[in-house]
Amino acid sequence: MRERSSRPPSPPPARIDDHMRPQAPDIVLLATDWQPRALIRAQLIEEGFEVVATNTWPMMRQLLRPGIKPRLAIVDLKGLEDPGGVLNDLRVLMKPDRVLVLTAIGTVARPDIERLGFHALSRPVVIQQVVRSAAKALVEPAIS
């Protein structure tokens, strides 16, 4: 007869099922000012989109990692330290037609943003205008 071990049996190795994998939100929103960020996010959620919002570029960059990229990135350039650098990084991280940029005087001119292939809106913007542009960008087929 075999002696029983005093240790409990080891649990089976952990595995991630498909239903446990992190899901990408529809939209990731970057705005340094809390009020426009909160209002835009709330309206997008009201329209049925899943939205993650942040106030810093490093955090947004983490949210754009492969495997769980959102369908759309919205970036408000107002208040960003290096808006040109953010746009250059975005060109590598996202397809340009999947980026909506809000620009203001003193950041990057709208024609320059559009030359990069991004959708652009000039501030001041009405929140509903942002929502309409986001919905339109999500309906259009992505350029491969």
Protein backbone atom coordinates (compact mmCIF):
# COMPACT_ATOMS: atom_id res chain seq x y z
CA MET A 1 0.00 0.00 0.00
CA ARG A 2 1.22 3.46 -0.95
CA GLU A 3 1.58 6.28 1.58
CA ARG A 4 -0.38 9.41 0.97
CA SER A 5 1.53 12.63 0.54
CA SER A 6 0.81 15.43 2.98
CA ARG A 7 0.93 17.98 0.17
CA PRO A 8 -2.24 18.77 -1.74
CA PRO A 9 -2.20 17.95 -5.45
CA SER A 10 -0.94 20.65 -7.79
CA PRO A 11 -3.60 22.64 -9.62
CA PRO A 12 -3.77 22.18 -13.38
CA PRO A 13 -1.73 24.69 -15.39
CA ALA A 14 -3.50 28.00 -15.96
CA ARG A 15 -4.80 28.68 -19.41
CA ILE A 16 -6.62 31.56 -20.98
CA ASP A 17 -9.84 30.73 -22.74
CA ASP A 18 -11.08 32.94 -25.55
CA HIS A 19 -13.80 34.38 -23.33
CA MET A 20 -11.12 35.43 -20.80
CA ARG A 21 -8.87 37.28 -23.28
CA PRO A 22 -8.92 41.05 -22.93
CA GLN A 23 -11.17 42.62 -25.51
CA ALA A 24 -10.20 45.79 -27.33
CA PRO A 25 -12.53 48.71 -26.79
CA ASP A 26 -14.16 50.27 -29.83
CA ILE A 27 -12.44 53.59 -29.13
CA VAL A 28 -9.48 54.87 -27.16
CA LEU A 29 -9.70 58.58 -26.38
CA LEU A 30 -6.80 60.85 -25.41
CA ALA A 31 -7.56 64.32 -24.06
CA THR A 32 -5.50 66.10 -21.43
CA ASP A 33 -8.41 68.24 -20.21
CA TRP A 34 -10.76 66.23 -18.01
CA GLN A 35 -13.98 67.99 -18.95
CA PRO A 36 -13.89 67.50 -22.75
CA ARG A 37 -12.57 63.96 -22.19
CA ALA A 38 -15.44 63.11 -19.84
CA LEU A 39 -18.11 64.68 -22.06
CA ILE A 40 -16.89 63.05 -25.28
CA ARG A 41 -16.51 59.68 -23.57
CA ALA A 42 -19.98 59.88 -22.02
CA GLN A 43 -21.62 60.72 -25.35
CA LEU A 44 -19.76 57.95 -27.19
CA ILE A 45 -20.86 55.45 -24.52
CA GLU A 46 -24.42 56.75 -24.82
CA GLU A 47 -24.21 56.01 -28.57
CA GLY A 48 -23.25 52.40 -27.79
CA PHE A 49 -19.47 52.44 -28.14
CA GLU A 50 -17.08 50.92 -25.65
CA VAL A 51 -14.58 53.67 -24.80
CA VAL A 52 -11.40 53.82 -22.75
CA ALA A 53 -10.17 57.34 -22.03
CA THR A 54 -6.82 58.62 -20.83
CA ASN A 55 -5.10 61.94 -20.27
CA THR A 56 -1.53 60.97 -21.23
CA TRP A 57 0.15 59.84 -24.43
CA PRO A 58 2.23 57.09 -22.72
CA MET A 59 -0.96 55.49 -21.40
CA MET A 60 -2.67 55.69 -24.77
CA ARG A 61 0.38 54.18 -26.45
CA GLN A 62 0.05 51.18 -24.11
CA LEU A 63 -3.61 50.82 -25.09
CA LEU A 64 -2.64 50.63 -28.77
CA ARG A 65 -0.52 47.50 -28.42
CA PRO A 66 -0.92 44.64 -30.89
CA GLY A 67 -3.57 42.06 -30.16
CA ILE A 68 -6.01 44.38 -28.43
CA LYS A 69 -5.96 47.50 -30.57
CA PRO A 70 -9.13 49.56 -30.60
CA ARG A 71 -11.07 50.11 -33.78
CA LEU A 72 -10.54 53.88 -33.52
CA ALA A 73 -8.25 56.30 -31.69
CA ILE A 74 -9.39 59.84 -30.93
CA VAL A 75 -6.62 62.27 -30.00
CA ASP A 76 -7.13 65.84 -28.81
CA LEU A 77 -3.83 67.61 -29.47
CA LYS A 78 -4.66 70.50 -27.13
CA GLY A 79 -2.37 70.36 -24.11
CA LEU A 80 -0.02 67.65 -25.42
CA GLU A 81 3.69 68.40 -24.99
CA ASP A 82 4.75 67.11 -28.42
CA PRO A 83 1.71 66.89 -30.72
CA GLY A 84 3.86 66.32 -33.81
CA GLY A 85 5.65 63.43 -32.11
CA VAL A 86 2.32 61.92 -31.07
CA LEU A 87 1.09 62.08 -34.68
CA ASN A 88 4.29 60.43 -35.94
CA ASP A 89 3.94 57.64 -33.37
CA LEU A 90 0.27 57.18 -34.29
CA ARG A 91 1.21 56.63 -37.94
CA VAL A 92 3.18 53.57 -36.81
CA LEU A 93 0.68 52.28 -34.26
CA MET A 94 -2.64 52.73 -36.08
CA LYS A 95 -3.92 52.85 -39.62
CA PRO A 96 -4.34 56.57 -40.34
CA ASP A 97 -7.99 56.17 -41.37
CA ARG A 98 -8.64 54.78 -37.86
CA VAL A 99 -7.50 57.97 -36.12
CA LEU A 100 -9.58 61.08 -35.46
CA VAL A 101 -7.53 64.10 -34.42
CA LEU A 102 -8.92 67.21 -32.73
CA THR A 103 -6.65 70.16 -33.37
CA ALA A 104 -6.51 73.71 -32.10
CA ILE A 105 -4.63 76.89 -32.90
CA GLY A 106 -1.07 76.48 -31.70
CA THR A 107 -0.87 72.72 -32.25
CA VAL A 108 -0.74 71.17 -35.74
CA ALA A 109 -2.70 72.62 -38.66
CA ARG A 110 -5.65 70.60 -39.92
CA PRO A 111 -4.32 70.34 -43.52
CA ASP A 112 -1.05 68.89 -42.17
CA ILE A 113 -2.99 66.31 -40.17
CA GLU A 114 -5.11 65.34 -43.15
CA ARG A 115 -1.98 64.97 -45.34
CA LEU A 116 -0.91 62.24 -42.90
CA GLY A 117 -4.16 60.41 -43.68
CA PHE A 118 -5.90 61.11 -40.36
CA HIS A 119 -9.46 62.35 -39.97
CA ALA A 120 -9.31 65.84 -38.43
CA LEU A 121 -11.64 68.28 -36.71
CA SER A 122 -10.70 71.83 -35.73
CA ARG A 123 -11.47 73.11 -32.26
CA PRO A 124 -13.81 74.36 -31.03
CA VAL A 125 -15.92 71.30 -31.80
CA VAL A 126 -19.38 70.27 -30.75
CA ILE A 127 -19.37 66.90 -28.99
CA GLN A 128 -22.00 65.56 -31.39
CA GLN A 129 -19.65 66.43 -34.27
CA VAL A 130 -16.95 64.23 -32.69
CA VAL A 131 -19.45 61.40 -32.20
CA ARG A 132 -20.68 61.63 -35.81
CA SER A 133 -17.11 61.64 -37.14
CA ALA A 134 -16.18 58.66 -34.94
CA ALA A 135 -19.24 56.68 -36.05
CA LYS A 136 -18.51 57.48 -39.70
CA ALA A 137 -14.86 56.40 -39.34
CA LEU A 138 -15.94 53.12 -37.73
CA VAL A 139 -18.43 52.35 -40.52
CA GLU A 140 -15.98 53.01 -43.36
CA PRO A 141 -13.83 50.02 -44.32
CA ALA A 142 -10.24 50.31 -43.11
CA ILE A 143 -7.55 50.88 -45.69
CA SER A 144 -5.16 47.94 -45.58
